[in-house]
């Protein structure tokens, strides 16, 4: 008869990281309102009280998941630029309508961001949402500044203003999806217009 092996207890930092990763997955699939702490706990293999011991509340865990997802997207954009790709090319790949459609599907970070936008007036989550968007705006502004230094982004464009303009363009996708009849063509045209507005004039 074989003895059952004792369950290995994860170090605190690893357990917290596992919970955060599972929460990001669950909230990206379901959104905040439908996301259940019990499902997050089950993914990690812990009890609900353990989740609350680590994050305090469901809203705090959601805020942490937003930060985690924003960090992941920012890292990917910086890595693309660090690889030597011109900033306009990096932005074109990210803003491409087909990529944006995938990015906003349930299970993706964009779905989580869109869900959070709908919670902007929530007292507990509103400030967290503003911070997440500020973080993303800072990332885009840094990329645009890099593009200006390399000479492939217009030098008369304010990077922070342009960053918020791009975020506003993304935030309007749900509105356009609801009312624009030829949405695919419009999204493609809007993306081209945005990128052209950032490029230096040909000499």
N, C-alpha and C. Protein backbone atom coordinates (compact mmCIF):
# COMPACT_ATOMS: atom_id res chain seq x y z
N UNK A 1 0.85 -1.19 0.00
CA UNK A 1 0.00 0.00 0.00
C UNK A 1 0.88 1.24 0.00
N UNK A 2 0.66 2.12 -0.94
CA UNK A 2 1.49 3.31 -1.03
C UNK A 2 0.88 4.44 -0.22
N UNK A 3 1.75 5.17 0.44
CA UNK A 3 1.28 6.29 1.23
C UNK A 3 1.02 7.49 0.33
N UNK A 4 -0.05 8.25 0.64
CA UNK A 4 -0.32 9.46 -0.13
C UNK A 4 0.71 10.51 0.23
N UNK A 5 1.21 11.19 -0.78
CA UNK A 5 2.22 12.20 -0.55
C UNK A 5 1.57 13.47 -0.02
N UNK A 6 2.20 14.10 0.93
CA UNK A 6 1.62 15.34 1.45
C UNK A 6 1.58 16.42 0.37
N UNK A 7 0.57 17.24 0.44
CA UNK A 7 0.42 18.31 -0.54
C UNK A 7 1.52 19.35 -0.34
N UNK A 8 2.15 19.73 -1.43
CA UNK A 8 3.22 20.71 -1.35
C UNK A 8 2.62 22.10 -1.16
N UNK A 9 3.13 22.83 -0.18
CA UNK A 9 2.63 24.17 0.09
C UNK A 9 3.49 25.16 -0.68
N UNK A 10 2.85 25.94 -1.54
CA UNK A 10 3.58 26.92 -2.34
C UNK A 10 4.10 28.05 -1.46
N UNK A 11 5.29 28.56 -1.77
CA UNK A 11 5.74 29.77 -1.08
C UNK A 11 4.74 30.90 -1.30
N UNK A 12 4.66 31.83 -0.37
CA UNK A 12 3.64 32.89 -0.41
C UNK A 12 3.66 33.67 -1.72
N UNK A 13 4.86 34.03 -2.18
CA UNK A 13 4.96 34.82 -3.42
C UNK A 13 4.45 34.03 -4.61
N UNK A 14 4.78 32.75 -4.68
CA UNK A 14 4.31 31.91 -5.79
C UNK A 14 2.80 31.73 -5.75
N UNK A 15 2.27 31.53 -4.54
CA UNK A 15 0.83 31.35 -4.40
C UNK A 15 0.10 32.62 -4.85
N UNK A 16 0.60 33.77 -4.43
CA UNK A 16 -0.03 35.04 -4.82
C UNK A 16 0.03 35.22 -6.34
N UNK A 17 1.18 34.90 -6.94
CA UNK A 17 1.31 35.02 -8.40
C UNK A 17 0.36 34.06 -9.12
N UNK A 18 0.19 32.86 -8.58
CA UNK A 18 -0.72 31.89 -9.19
C UNK A 18 -2.16 32.37 -9.12
N UNK A 19 -2.53 32.93 -7.99
CA UNK A 19 -3.88 33.46 -7.84
C UNK A 19 -4.12 34.60 -8.82
N UNK A 20 -3.13 35.48 -8.94
CA UNK A 20 -3.26 36.63 -9.84
C UNK A 20 -3.39 36.18 -11.29
N UNK A 21 -2.59 35.19 -11.68
CA UNK A 21 -2.66 34.66 -13.04
C UNK A 21 -4.04 34.04 -13.30
N UNK A 22 -4.54 33.28 -12.35
CA UNK A 22 -5.85 32.65 -12.51
C UNK A 22 -6.96 33.70 -12.55
N UNK A 23 -6.84 34.74 -11.73
CA UNK A 23 -7.84 35.80 -11.72
C UNK A 23 -7.87 36.54 -13.05
N UNK A 24 -6.69 36.78 -13.62
CA UNK A 24 -6.63 37.46 -14.91
C UNK A 24 -7.32 36.62 -15.98
N UNK A 25 -7.12 35.31 -15.94
CA UNK A 25 -7.78 34.41 -16.89
C UNK A 25 -9.30 34.45 -16.72
N UNK A 26 -9.75 34.32 -15.47
CA UNK A 26 -11.21 34.25 -15.22
C UNK A 26 -11.88 35.56 -15.58
N UNK A 27 -11.33 36.67 -15.14
CA UNK A 27 -11.96 37.97 -15.43
C UNK A 27 -11.89 38.30 -16.93
N UNK A 28 -10.86 37.81 -17.61
CA UNK A 28 -10.76 38.03 -19.05
C UNK A 28 -11.80 37.20 -19.82
N UNK A 29 -12.27 36.14 -19.20
CA UNK A 29 -13.30 35.31 -19.82
C UNK A 29 -14.71 35.79 -19.50
N UNK A 30 -14.91 36.27 -18.28
CA UNK A 30 -16.27 36.52 -17.80
C UNK A 30 -16.57 37.97 -17.47
N UNK A 31 -15.54 38.78 -17.22
CA UNK A 31 -15.75 40.12 -16.70
C UNK A 31 -15.86 40.11 -15.19
N UNK A 32 -15.93 41.29 -14.63
CA UNK A 32 -15.92 41.43 -13.16
C UNK A 32 -17.21 40.90 -12.53
N UNK A 33 -18.35 41.32 -13.07
CA UNK A 33 -19.62 40.99 -12.42
C UNK A 33 -19.86 39.48 -12.39
N UNK A 34 -19.54 38.78 -13.47
CA UNK A 34 -19.81 37.34 -13.54
C UNK A 34 -18.65 36.50 -13.03
N UNK A 35 -17.49 37.11 -12.88
CA UNK A 35 -16.34 36.35 -12.40
C UNK A 35 -16.51 35.92 -10.95
N UNK A 36 -16.23 34.68 -10.66
CA UNK A 36 -16.42 34.15 -9.30
C UNK A 36 -15.08 33.85 -8.64
N UNK A 37 -14.96 34.28 -7.41
CA UNK A 37 -13.74 33.98 -6.66
C UNK A 37 -13.59 32.47 -6.48
N UNK A 38 -14.72 31.77 -6.40
CA UNK A 38 -14.64 30.32 -6.25
C UNK A 38 -13.99 29.67 -7.47
N UNK A 39 -14.27 30.20 -8.67
CA UNK A 39 -13.65 29.67 -9.88
C UNK A 39 -12.15 29.95 -9.90
N UNK A 40 -11.77 31.13 -9.41
CA UNK A 40 -10.34 31.48 -9.34
C UNK A 40 -9.63 30.55 -8.36
N UNK A 41 -10.24 30.35 -7.22
CA UNK A 41 -9.64 29.46 -6.21
C UNK A 41 -9.49 28.04 -6.75
N UNK A 42 -10.51 27.58 -7.48
CA UNK A 42 -10.47 26.22 -8.03
C UNK A 42 -9.33 26.06 -9.04
N UNK A 43 -9.12 27.11 -9.85
CA UNK A 43 -8.02 27.05 -10.83
C UNK A 43 -6.67 26.87 -10.16
N UNK A 44 -6.51 27.51 -9.02
CA UNK A 44 -5.22 27.47 -8.33
C UNK A 44 -5.10 26.25 -7.43
N UNK A 45 -6.27 25.73 -6.99
CA UNK A 45 -6.25 24.60 -6.07
C UNK A 45 -6.17 25.04 -4.62
N UNK A 46 -6.78 26.19 -4.34
CA UNK A 46 -6.82 26.69 -2.96
C UNK A 46 -8.27 26.97 -2.60
N UNK A 47 -8.51 27.36 -1.37
CA UNK A 47 -9.85 27.71 -0.94
C UNK A 47 -10.08 29.21 -1.14
N UNK A 48 -11.35 29.60 -1.15
CA UNK A 48 -11.67 31.02 -1.29
C UNK A 48 -11.03 31.87 -0.20
N UNK A 49 -11.05 31.43 1.07
CA UNK A 49 -10.40 32.24 2.11
C UNK A 49 -8.93 32.53 1.81
N UNK A 50 -8.24 31.60 1.16
CA UNK A 50 -6.84 31.84 0.81
C UNK A 50 -6.74 32.98 -0.20
N UNK A 51 -7.66 33.02 -1.16
CA UNK A 51 -7.67 34.12 -2.13
C UNK A 51 -7.85 35.45 -1.41
N UNK A 52 -8.82 35.49 -0.48
CA UNK A 52 -9.09 36.73 0.23
C UNK A 52 -7.94 37.11 1.18
N UNK A 53 -7.27 36.11 1.72
CA UNK A 53 -6.11 36.40 2.57
C UNK A 53 -5.02 37.11 1.78
N UNK A 54 -4.91 36.78 0.50
CA UNK A 54 -3.86 37.35 -0.33
C UNK A 54 -4.24 38.69 -0.95
N UNK A 55 -5.53 38.90 -1.24
CA UNK A 55 -5.92 40.12 -1.96
C UNK A 55 -6.99 40.95 -1.25
N UNK A 56 -7.59 40.43 -0.21
CA UNK A 56 -8.50 41.22 0.59
C UNK A 56 -9.94 41.24 0.13
N UNK A 57 -10.16 41.43 -1.17
CA UNK A 57 -11.53 41.51 -1.68
C UNK A 57 -11.52 41.18 -3.18
N UNK A 58 -12.71 40.92 -3.70
CA UNK A 58 -12.83 40.64 -5.13
C UNK A 58 -12.42 41.86 -5.95
N UNK A 59 -12.81 43.06 -5.52
CA UNK A 59 -12.48 44.26 -6.27
C UNK A 59 -10.97 44.52 -6.27
N UNK A 60 -10.31 44.23 -5.15
CA UNK A 60 -8.86 44.40 -5.09
C UNK A 60 -8.16 43.41 -6.00
N UNK A 61 -8.69 42.19 -6.07
CA UNK A 61 -8.13 41.18 -6.97
C UNK A 61 -8.33 41.58 -8.42
N UNK A 62 -9.49 42.15 -8.73
CA UNK A 62 -9.76 42.62 -10.09
C UNK A 62 -8.81 43.75 -10.47
N UNK A 63 -8.58 44.67 -9.54
CA UNK A 63 -7.64 45.77 -9.80
C UNK A 63 -6.24 45.22 -10.07
N UNK A 64 -5.85 44.23 -9.30
CA UNK A 64 -4.53 43.62 -9.50
C UNK A 64 -4.46 42.92 -10.86
N UNK A 65 -5.56 42.29 -11.27
CA UNK A 65 -5.59 41.62 -12.57
C UNK A 65 -5.47 42.63 -13.70
N UNK A 66 -6.13 43.78 -13.54
CA UNK A 66 -6.01 44.84 -14.54
C UNK A 66 -4.56 45.31 -14.66
N UNK A 67 -3.92 45.53 -13.52
CA UNK A 67 -2.52 45.95 -13.54
C UNK A 67 -1.65 44.89 -14.22
N UNK A 68 -1.92 43.63 -13.89
CA UNK A 68 -1.15 42.52 -14.46
C UNK A 68 -1.30 42.47 -15.97
N UNK A 69 -2.52 42.63 -16.46
CA UNK A 69 -2.77 42.60 -17.90
C UNK A 69 -2.14 43.80 -18.60
N UNK A 70 -2.22 44.95 -17.98
CA UNK A 70 -1.63 46.16 -18.57
C UNK A 70 -0.12 46.03 -18.66
N UNK A 71 0.49 45.49 -17.60
CA UNK A 71 1.95 45.26 -17.62
C UNK A 71 2.33 44.32 -18.76
N UNK A 72 1.51 43.27 -18.95
CA UNK A 72 1.82 42.28 -20.00
C UNK A 72 1.75 42.91 -21.38
N UNK A 73 0.72 43.72 -21.64
CA UNK A 73 0.59 44.36 -22.96
C UNK A 73 1.70 45.38 -23.17
N UNK A 74 2.01 46.16 -22.14
CA UNK A 74 3.08 47.15 -22.24
C UNK A 74 4.42 46.49 -22.52
N UNK A 75 4.67 45.37 -21.85
CA UNK A 75 5.92 44.64 -22.06
C UNK A 75 6.03 44.15 -23.49
N UNK A 76 4.94 43.62 -24.03
CA UNK A 76 4.97 43.12 -25.41
C UNK A 76 5.25 44.24 -26.41
N UNK A 77 4.64 45.41 -26.19
CA UNK A 77 4.88 46.54 -27.10
C UNK A 77 6.33 47.01 -27.01
N UNK A 78 6.86 47.09 -25.81
CA UNK A 78 8.26 47.51 -25.65
C UNK A 78 9.21 46.49 -26.26
N UNK A 79 8.90 45.21 -26.07
CA UNK A 79 9.76 44.16 -26.64
C UNK A 79 9.77 44.24 -28.16
N UNK A 80 8.62 44.52 -28.74
CA UNK A 80 8.56 44.65 -30.20
C UNK A 80 9.42 45.80 -30.67
N UNK A 81 9.37 46.92 -29.96
CA UNK A 81 10.20 48.07 -30.33
C UNK A 81 11.68 47.79 -30.06
N UNK A 82 11.97 47.07 -28.97
CA UNK A 82 13.36 46.75 -28.63
C UNK A 82 13.98 45.81 -29.66
N UNK A 83 13.14 45.07 -30.38
CA UNK A 83 13.67 44.12 -31.37
C UNK A 83 14.18 44.83 -32.63
N UNK A 84 13.95 46.13 -32.69
CA UNK A 84 14.44 46.89 -33.84
C UNK A 84 13.36 47.29 -34.82
N UNK A 85 12.11 46.88 -34.57
CA UNK A 85 11.03 47.25 -35.48
C UNK A 85 10.72 48.74 -35.30
N UNK A 86 10.50 49.47 -36.38
CA UNK A 86 10.13 50.89 -36.26
C UNK A 86 8.82 51.04 -35.48
N UNK A 87 8.71 52.09 -34.71
CA UNK A 87 7.52 52.30 -33.89
C UNK A 87 6.23 52.31 -34.72
N UNK A 88 6.18 52.99 -35.89
CA UNK A 88 4.95 52.93 -36.67
C UNK A 88 4.56 51.50 -37.05
N UNK A 89 5.54 50.66 -37.29
CA UNK A 89 5.26 49.25 -37.63
C UNK A 89 4.69 48.52 -36.42
N UNK A 90 5.25 48.80 -35.24
CA UNK A 90 4.76 48.18 -34.01
C UNK A 90 3.30 48.60 -33.76
N UNK A 91 3.02 49.89 -33.92
CA UNK A 91 1.67 50.38 -33.71
C UNK A 91 0.71 49.84 -34.76
N UNK A 92 1.17 49.74 -36.01
CA UNK A 92 0.32 49.21 -37.08
C UNK A 92 -0.09 47.77 -36.78
N UNK A 93 0.85 46.97 -36.29
CA UNK A 93 0.54 45.57 -35.98
C UNK A 93 -0.43 45.48 -34.80
N UNK A 94 -0.23 46.34 -33.80
CA UNK A 94 -1.09 46.31 -32.62
C UNK A 94 -2.50 46.81 -32.94
N UNK A 95 -2.59 47.89 -33.72
CA UNK A 95 -3.88 48.51 -34.02
C UNK A 95 -4.63 47.86 -35.18
N UNK A 96 -3.97 46.95 -35.87
CA UNK A 96 -4.61 46.27 -37.01
C UNK A 96 -5.99 45.74 -36.59
N UNK A 97 -7.04 46.06 -37.35
CA UNK A 97 -8.40 45.66 -36.95
C UNK A 97 -8.55 44.17 -36.65
N UNK A 98 -7.91 43.33 -37.44
CA UNK A 98 -8.02 41.88 -37.18
C UNK A 98 -7.39 41.52 -35.84
N UNK A 99 -6.24 42.16 -35.53
CA UNK A 99 -5.61 41.92 -34.24
C UNK A 99 -6.48 42.45 -33.11
N UNK A 100 -7.09 43.63 -33.31
CA UNK A 100 -7.96 44.20 -32.29
C UNK A 100 -9.18 43.31 -32.04
N UNK A 101 -9.71 42.70 -33.09
CA UNK A 101 -10.84 41.79 -32.91
C UNK A 101 -10.44 40.61 -32.02
N UNK A 102 -9.26 40.05 -32.29
CA UNK A 102 -8.77 38.94 -31.46
C UNK A 102 -8.47 39.42 -30.04
N UNK A 103 -7.90 40.60 -29.94
CA UNK A 103 -7.49 41.17 -28.65
C UNK A 103 -8.69 41.39 -27.72
N UNK A 104 -9.87 41.64 -28.31
CA UNK A 104 -11.06 41.91 -27.51
C UNK A 104 -11.99 40.71 -27.36
N UNK A 105 -11.56 39.55 -27.84
CA UNK A 105 -12.35 38.35 -27.64
C UNK A 105 -12.30 37.91 -26.18
N UNK A 106 -13.37 37.27 -25.67
CA UNK A 106 -13.30 36.72 -24.31
C UNK A 106 -12.07 35.84 -24.14
N UNK A 107 -11.38 36.02 -23.05
CA UNK A 107 -10.16 35.28 -22.80
C UNK A 107 -8.91 36.09 -23.11
N UNK A 108 -9.10 37.27 -23.73
CA UNK A 108 -7.97 38.12 -24.07
C UNK A 108 -7.96 39.37 -23.20
N UNK A 109 -6.78 40.01 -23.14
CA UNK A 109 -6.64 41.19 -22.28
C UNK A 109 -7.58 42.32 -22.70
N UNK A 110 -7.80 42.47 -24.00
CA UNK A 110 -8.67 43.54 -24.46
C UNK A 110 -10.09 43.40 -23.94
N UNK A 111 -10.56 42.17 -23.78
CA UNK A 111 -11.89 41.94 -23.21
C UNK A 111 -11.93 42.43 -21.78
N UNK A 112 -10.85 42.20 -21.05
CA UNK A 112 -10.76 42.66 -19.66
C UNK A 112 -10.79 44.18 -19.60
N UNK A 113 -10.03 44.84 -20.50
CA UNK A 113 -10.01 46.30 -20.52
C UNK A 113 -11.39 46.87 -20.87
N UNK A 114 -12.06 46.27 -21.85
CA UNK A 114 -13.38 46.74 -22.25
C UNK A 114 -14.38 46.56 -21.11
N UNK A 115 -14.28 45.45 -20.40
CA UNK A 115 -15.14 45.21 -19.26
C UNK A 115 -14.90 46.26 -18.19
N UNK A 116 -13.64 46.59 -17.96
CA UNK A 116 -13.31 47.58 -16.93
C UNK A 116 -13.83 48.96 -17.30
N UNK A 117 -13.80 49.28 -18.58
CA UNK A 117 -14.29 50.60 -19.02
C UNK A 117 -15.76 50.79 -18.64
N UNK A 118 -16.52 49.72 -18.70
CA UNK A 118 -17.94 49.79 -18.35
C UNK A 118 -18.14 50.02 -16.85
N UNK A 119 -17.07 49.84 -16.07
CA UNK A 119 -17.16 50.00 -14.61
C UNK A 119 -16.54 51.32 -14.15
N UNK A 120 -16.36 52.25 -15.09
CA UNK A 120 -15.63 53.49 -14.78
C UNK A 120 -16.27 54.30 -13.66
N UNK A 121 -17.59 54.17 -13.49
CA UNK A 121 -18.27 54.97 -12.47
C UNK A 121 -18.43 54.21 -11.14
N UNK A 122 -17.90 53.00 -11.08
CA UNK A 122 -17.93 52.24 -9.84
C UNK A 122 -16.98 52.89 -8.83
N UNK A 123 -17.45 53.12 -7.61
CA UNK A 123 -16.64 53.82 -6.61
C UNK A 123 -15.35 53.08 -6.29
N UNK A 124 -15.42 51.75 -6.24
CA UNK A 124 -14.25 50.96 -5.88
C UNK A 124 -13.27 50.80 -7.04
N UNK A 125 -13.78 50.80 -8.27
CA UNK A 125 -12.95 50.45 -9.41
C UNK A 125 -12.61 51.62 -10.32
N UNK A 126 -13.32 52.72 -10.21
CA UNK A 126 -13.12 53.84 -11.12
C UNK A 126 -11.70 54.37 -11.11
N UNK A 127 -11.14 54.58 -9.93
CA UNK A 127 -9.78 55.12 -9.84
C UNK A 127 -8.76 54.12 -10.41
N UNK A 128 -8.98 52.84 -10.14
CA UNK A 128 -8.08 51.81 -10.68
C UNK A 128 -8.11 51.82 -12.19
N UNK A 129 -9.29 52.00 -12.77
CA UNK A 129 -9.40 52.04 -14.22
C UNK A 129 -8.64 53.24 -14.79
N UNK A 130 -8.75 54.38 -14.13
CA UNK A 130 -8.02 55.57 -14.59
C UNK A 130 -6.52 55.33 -14.54
N UNK A 131 -6.07 54.66 -13.50
CA UNK A 131 -4.63 54.37 -13.38
C UNK A 131 -4.17 53.41 -14.47
N UNK A 132 -4.99 52.43 -14.79
CA UNK A 132 -4.65 51.47 -15.85
C UNK A 132 -4.53 52.18 -17.19
N UNK A 133 -5.48 53.05 -17.49
CA UNK A 133 -5.42 53.78 -18.75
C UNK A 133 -4.24 54.74 -18.78
N UNK A 134 -3.91 55.32 -17.62
CA UNK A 134 -2.75 56.20 -17.57
C UNK A 134 -1.47 55.42 -17.85
N UNK A 135 -1.39 54.22 -17.29
CA UNK A 135 -0.23 53.35 -17.53
C UNK A 135 -0.11 53.04 -19.02
N UNK A 136 -1.21 52.68 -19.64
CA UNK A 136 -1.18 52.34 -21.07
C UNK A 136 -0.85 53.58 -21.91
N UNK A 137 -1.40 54.74 -21.52
CA UNK A 137 -1.09 55.98 -22.23
C UNK A 137 0.40 56.30 -22.12
N UNK A 138 0.97 56.07 -20.94
CA UNK A 138 2.41 56.31 -20.76
C UNK A 138 3.24 55.39 -21.66
N UNK A 139 2.79 54.14 -21.79
CA UNK A 139 3.49 53.19 -22.66
C UNK A 139 3.47 53.66 -24.11
N UNK A 140 2.29 54.06 -24.58
CA UNK A 140 2.18 54.54 -25.96
C UNK A 140 2.98 55.82 -26.16
N UNK A 141 2.95 56.71 -25.17
CA UNK A 141 3.71 57.95 -25.28
C UNK A 141 5.21 57.68 -25.36
N UNK A 142 5.67 56.70 -24.58
CA UNK A 142 7.10 56.33 -24.63
C UNK A 142 7.46 55.80 -26.01
N UNK A 143 6.59 54.97 -26.57
CA UNK A 143 6.84 54.43 -27.91
C UNK A 143 6.89 55.56 -28.94
N UNK A 144 5.95 56.48 -28.85
CA UNK A 144 5.91 57.59 -29.80
C UNK A 144 7.15 58.47 -29.67
N UNK A 145 7.61 58.68 -28.44
CA UNK A 145 8.84 59.46 -28.23
C UNK A 145 10.04 58.75 -28.85
N UNK A 146 10.06 57.42 -28.72
CA UNK A 146 11.13 56.65 -29.36
C UNK A 146 11.07 56.81 -30.87
N UNK A 147 9.85 56.79 -31.40
CA UNK A 147 9.70 56.96 -32.84
C UNK A 147 10.15 58.34 -33.29
N UNK A 148 9.89 59.35 -32.49
CA UNK A 148 10.35 60.69 -32.82
C UNK A 148 11.87 60.77 -32.82
N UNK A 149 12.50 60.14 -31.83
CA UNK A 149 13.96 60.13 -31.76
C UNK A 149 14.57 59.44 -32.97
N UNK A 150 13.86 58.41 -33.48
CA UNK A 150 14.36 57.66 -34.64
C UNK A 150 13.99 58.34 -35.96
N UNK A 151 13.14 59.36 -35.88
CA UNK A 151 12.77 60.09 -37.09
C UNK A 151 11.62 59.49 -37.87
N UNK A 152 10.91 58.49 -37.30
CA UNK A 152 9.81 57.90 -38.05
C UNK A 152 8.44 58.21 -37.46
N UNK A 153 8.39 59.15 -36.51
CA UNK A 153 7.14 59.71 -36.01
C UNK A 153 7.28 61.23 -36.04
N UNK A 154 6.24 61.93 -36.45
CA UNK A 154 6.29 63.39 -36.57
C UNK A 154 6.79 64.03 -35.28
N UNK A 155 7.69 64.99 -35.40
CA UNK A 155 8.24 65.63 -34.20
C UNK A 155 7.35 66.75 -33.68
N UNK A 156 6.30 67.12 -34.42
CA UNK A 156 5.39 68.17 -33.95
C UNK A 156 4.15 67.59 -33.26
N UNK A 157 4.17 66.29 -32.99
CA UNK A 157 3.07 65.63 -32.29
C UNK A 157 3.44 65.48 -30.82
N UNK A 158 2.55 65.89 -29.92
CA UNK A 158 2.80 65.67 -28.50
C UNK A 158 2.52 64.20 -28.19
N UNK A 159 3.52 63.46 -27.71
CA UNK A 159 3.34 62.02 -27.50
C UNK A 159 2.20 61.67 -26.55
N UNK A 160 2.02 62.43 -25.48
CA UNK A 160 0.96 62.10 -24.51
C UNK A 160 -0.42 62.36 -25.09
N UNK A 161 -0.57 63.47 -25.82
CA UNK A 161 -1.85 63.75 -26.46
C UNK A 161 -2.17 62.68 -27.50
N UNK A 162 -1.18 62.31 -28.30
CA UNK A 162 -1.38 61.29 -29.33
C UNK A 162 -1.71 59.94 -28.70
N UNK A 163 -1.10 59.65 -27.56
CA UNK A 163 -1.37 58.38 -26.87
C UNK A 163 -2.84 58.31 -26.45
N UNK A 164 -3.35 59.38 -25.87
CA UNK A 164 -4.77 59.40 -25.46
C UNK A 164 -5.69 59.37 -26.66
N UNK A 165 -5.26 59.96 -27.76
CA UNK A 165 -6.06 59.92 -28.99
C UNK A 165 -6.19 58.47 -29.47
N UNK A 166 -5.08 57.72 -29.44
CA UNK A 166 -5.12 56.32 -29.86
C UNK A 166 -5.99 55.49 -28.92
N UNK A 167 -5.89 55.76 -27.62
CA UNK A 167 -6.72 55.03 -26.66
C UNK A 167 -8.20 55.33 -26.90
N UNK A 168 -8.51 56.59 -27.21
CA UNK A 168 -9.90 56.96 -27.51
C UNK A 168 -10.40 56.24 -28.76
N UNK A 169 -9.51 56.09 -29.73
CA UNK A 169 -9.86 55.36 -30.95
C UNK A 169 -10.23 53.91 -30.61
N UNK A 170 -9.44 53.29 -29.73
CA UNK A 170 -9.72 51.92 -29.32
C UNK A 170 -10.99 51.83 -28.50
N UNK A 171 -11.20 52.81 -27.62
CA UNK A 171 -12.38 52.78 -26.75
C UNK A 171 -13.67 52.93 -27.54
N UNK A 172 -13.60 53.52 -28.73
CA UNK A 172 -14.79 53.70 -29.55
C UNK A 172 -15.18 52.49 -30.37
N UNK A 173 -14.39 51.43 -30.30
CA UNK A 173 -14.67 50.25 -31.13
C UNK A 173 -16.04 49.65 -30.81
N UNK A 174 -16.40 49.57 -29.52
CA UNK A 174 -17.68 48.96 -29.17
C UNK A 174 -18.85 49.79 -29.70
N UNK A 175 -18.70 51.12 -29.65
CA UNK A 175 -19.74 51.99 -30.20
C UNK A 175 -19.88 51.77 -31.71
N UNK A 176 -18.73 51.74 -32.40
CA UNK A 176 -18.79 51.56 -33.85
C UNK A 176 -19.34 50.19 -34.23
N UNK A 177 -19.01 49.19 -33.43
CA UNK A 177 -19.52 47.84 -33.70
C UNK A 177 -21.04 47.80 -33.61
N UNK A 178 -21.60 48.68 -32.78
CA UNK A 178 -23.06 48.68 -32.58
C UNK A 178 -23.80 49.46 -33.65
N UNK A 179 -23.15 50.47 -34.25
CA UNK A 179 -23.91 51.37 -35.12
C UNK A 179 -23.40 51.48 -36.56
N UNK A 180 -22.14 51.11 -36.81
CA UNK A 180 -21.58 51.30 -38.15
C UNK A 180 -21.89 50.10 -39.02
N UNK A 181 -22.59 50.28 -40.15
CA UNK A 181 -22.98 49.13 -40.99
C UNK A 181 -21.79 48.44 -41.67
N UNK A 182 -20.84 49.22 -42.21
CA UNK A 182 -19.69 48.63 -42.88
C UNK A 182 -18.47 48.75 -41.97
N UNK A 183 -18.59 48.16 -40.79
CA UNK A 183 -17.62 48.35 -39.72
C UNK A 183 -16.20 47.96 -40.13
N UNK A 184 -16.04 46.84 -40.81
CA UNK A 184 -14.69 46.37 -41.15
C UNK A 184 -13.94 47.40 -42.00
N UNK A 185 -14.63 47.95 -43.00
CA UNK A 185 -14.00 48.95 -43.86
C UNK A 185 -13.68 50.22 -43.07
N UNK A 186 -14.61 50.63 -42.22
CA UNK A 186 -14.40 51.85 -41.44
C UNK A 186 -13.24 51.68 -40.47
N UNK A 187 -13.17 50.53 -39.80
CA UNK A 187 -12.07 50.29 -38.86
C UNK A 187 -10.72 50.32 -39.58
N UNK A 188 -10.65 49.72 -40.75
CA UNK A 188 -9.41 49.71 -41.52
C UNK A 188 -9.02 51.13 -41.92
N UNK A 189 -10.01 51.93 -42.36
CA UNK A 189 -9.74 53.31 -42.77
C UNK A 189 -9.30 54.16 -41.58
N UNK A 190 -9.97 53.99 -40.45
CA UNK A 190 -9.61 54.76 -39.26
C UNK A 190 -8.18 54.45 -38.82
N UNK A 191 -7.81 53.18 -38.88
CA UNK A 191 -6.46 52.80 -38.49
C UNK A 191 -5.43 53.41 -39.42
N UNK A 192 -5.69 53.35 -40.73
CA UNK A 192 -4.76 53.95 -41.70
C UNK A 192 -4.65 55.46 -41.48
N UNK A 193 -5.78 56.12 -41.24
CA UNK A 193 -5.77 57.56 -41.01
C UNK A 193 -4.95 57.92 -39.77
N UNK A 194 -5.13 57.14 -38.71
CA UNK A 194 -4.41 57.41 -37.48
C UNK A 194 -2.90 57.27 -37.68
N UNK A 195 -2.50 56.21 -38.36
CA UNK A 195 -1.07 55.98 -38.56
C UNK A 195 -0.47 57.03 -39.49
N UNK A 196 -1.22 57.39 -40.54
CA UNK A 196 -0.71 58.42 -41.46
C UNK A 196 -0.51 59.75 -40.74
N UNK A 197 -1.40 60.05 -39.80
CA UNK A 197 -1.31 61.32 -39.06
C UNK A 197 -0.06 61.38 -38.18
N UNK A 198 0.50 60.23 -37.87
CA UNK A 198 1.68 60.18 -37.00
C UNK A 198 3.00 60.17 -37.79
N UNK A 199 2.91 59.89 -39.07
CA UNK A 199 4.13 59.74 -39.87
C UNK A 199 4.65 61.10 -40.33
N UNK A 200 5.98 61.25 -40.43
CA UNK A 200 6.53 62.49 -40.98
C UNK A 200 6.09 62.67 -42.43
N UNK A 201 5.95 63.91 -42.84
CA UNK A 201 5.60 64.17 -44.23
C UNK A 201 6.76 63.77 -45.12
N UNK A 202 6.42 63.16 -46.28
CA UNK A 202 7.46 62.76 -47.20
C UNK A 202 8.14 64.01 -47.77
N UNK A 203 9.46 63.95 -47.87
CA UNK A 203 10.22 65.10 -48.40
C UNK A 203 10.60 64.85 -49.84
